[in-house]
C-alpha atoms as a PDB file:
ATOM      1  CA  UNK A   1      18.966 -72.047 -86.514  1.00  0.00           C
ATOM      2  CA  UNK A   2      21.590 -74.761 -84.774  1.00  0.00           C
ATOM      3  CA  UNK A   3      23.023 -72.390 -82.618  1.00  0.00           C
ATOM      4  CA  UNK A   4      21.239 -70.966 -79.469  1.00  0.00           C
ATOM      5  CA  UNK A   5      22.025 -68.987 -76.811  1.00  0.00           C
ATOM      6  CA  UNK A   6      22.877 -70.145 -73.532  1.00  0.00           C
ATOM      7  CA  UNK A   7      23.034 -68.551 -69.910  1.00  0.00           C
ATOM      8  CA  UNK A   8      25.898 -69.692 -67.379  1.00  0.00           C
ATOM      9  CA  UNK A   9      25.387 -69.794 -63.738  1.00  0.00           C
ATOM     10  CA  UNK A  10      28.012 -69.789 -61.215  1.00  0.00           C
ATOM     11  CA  UNK A  11      28.330 -73.240 -59.044  1.00  0.00           C
ATOM     12  CA  UNK A  12      28.879 -71.346 -55.514  1.00  0.00           C
ATOM     13  CA  UNK A  13      26.754 -68.450 -55.380  1.00  0.00           C
ATOM     14  CA  UNK A  14      23.411 -69.615 -58.145  1.00  0.00           C
ATOM     15  CA  UNK A  15      23.771 -66.163 -59.816  1.00  0.00           C
ATOM     16  CA  UNK A  16      23.535 -66.228 -63.869  1.00  0.00           C
ATOM     17  CA  UNK A  17      26.234 -64.250 -65.600  1.00  0.00           C
ATOM     18  CA  UNK A  18      27.357 -64.807 -68.695  1.00  0.00           C
ATOM     19  CA  UNK A  19      25.443 -65.422 -72.171  1.00  0.00           C
ATOM     20  CA  UNK A  20      26.998 -67.542 -75.239  1.00  0.00           C
ATOM     21  CA  UNK A  21      25.965 -69.630 -78.326  1.00  0.00           C
ATOM     22  CA  UNK A  22      26.531 -73.439 -78.807  1.00  0.00           C
ATOM     23  CA  UNK A  23      25.503 -75.323 -81.393  1.00  0.00           C
ATOM     24  CA  UNK A  24      22.955 -77.837 -80.313  1.00  0.00           C
ATOM     25  CA  UNK A  25      23.630 -80.736 -82.967  1.00  0.00           C
ATOM     26  CA  UNK A  26      27.457 -80.501 -82.350  1.00  0.00           C
ATOM     27  CA  UNK A  27      27.713 -80.250 -79.292  1.00  0.00           C
ATOM     28  CA  UNK A  28      24.765 -82.242 -76.905  1.00  0.00           C
ATOM     29  CA  UNK A  29      26.719 -82.241 -73.689  1.00  0.00           C
ATOM     30  CA  UNK A  30      26.151 -79.469 -70.784  1.00  0.00           C
ATOM     31  CA  UNK A  31      28.961 -76.301 -71.429  1.00  0.00           C
ATOM     32  CA  UNK A  32      31.351 -75.607 -68.093  1.00  0.00           C
ATOM     33  CA  UNK A  33      33.779 -72.962 -67.992  1.00  0.00           C
ATOM     34  CA  UNK A  34      36.047 -71.459 -65.470  1.00  0.00           C
ATOM     35  CA  UNK A  35      34.825 -67.672 -65.019  1.00  0.00           C
ATOM     36  CA  UNK A  36      34.868 -64.713 -63.213  1.00  0.00           C
ATOM     37  CA  UNK A  37      32.169 -64.234 -60.832  1.00  0.00           C
ATOM     38  CA  UNK A  38      31.395 -60.733 -60.047  1.00  0.00           C
ATOM     39  CA  UNK A  39      29.166 -61.548 -56.755  1.00  0.00           C
ATOM     40  CA  UNK A  40      31.463 -63.953 -55.118  1.00  0.00           C
ATOM     41  CA  UNK A  41      34.602 -61.973 -56.564  1.00  0.00           C
ATOM     42  CA  UNK A  42      36.789 -65.001 -57.782  1.00  0.00           C
ATOM     43  CA  UNK A  43      36.931 -66.954 -60.557  1.00  0.00           C
ATOM     44  CA  UNK A  44      34.474 -70.493 -60.645  1.00  0.00           C
ATOM     45  CA  UNK A  45      32.830 -72.890 -62.280  1.00  0.00           C
ATOM     46  CA  UNK A  46      29.777 -72.048 -64.989  1.00  0.00           C
ATOM     47  CA  UNK A  47      27.838 -74.288 -65.779  1.00  0.00           C
ATOM     48  CA  UNK A  48      25.349 -73.907 -68.904  1.00  0.00           C
ATOM     49  CA  UNK A  49      21.402 -73.747 -67.190  1.00  0.00           C
ATOM     50  CA  UNK A  50      18.189 -73.803 -69.471  1.00  0.00           C
END
């Protein structure tokens, strides 16, 4: 399967909050999204982790 489950980690508090899927063949780099962190209670950048 080309799609894999990835986890997003908050750049401020380092908690892993969100999961998603991505196509490994077309998107080789790490994703970064601005999402709401329930622990910080603010919007921060969330980066893809291993």
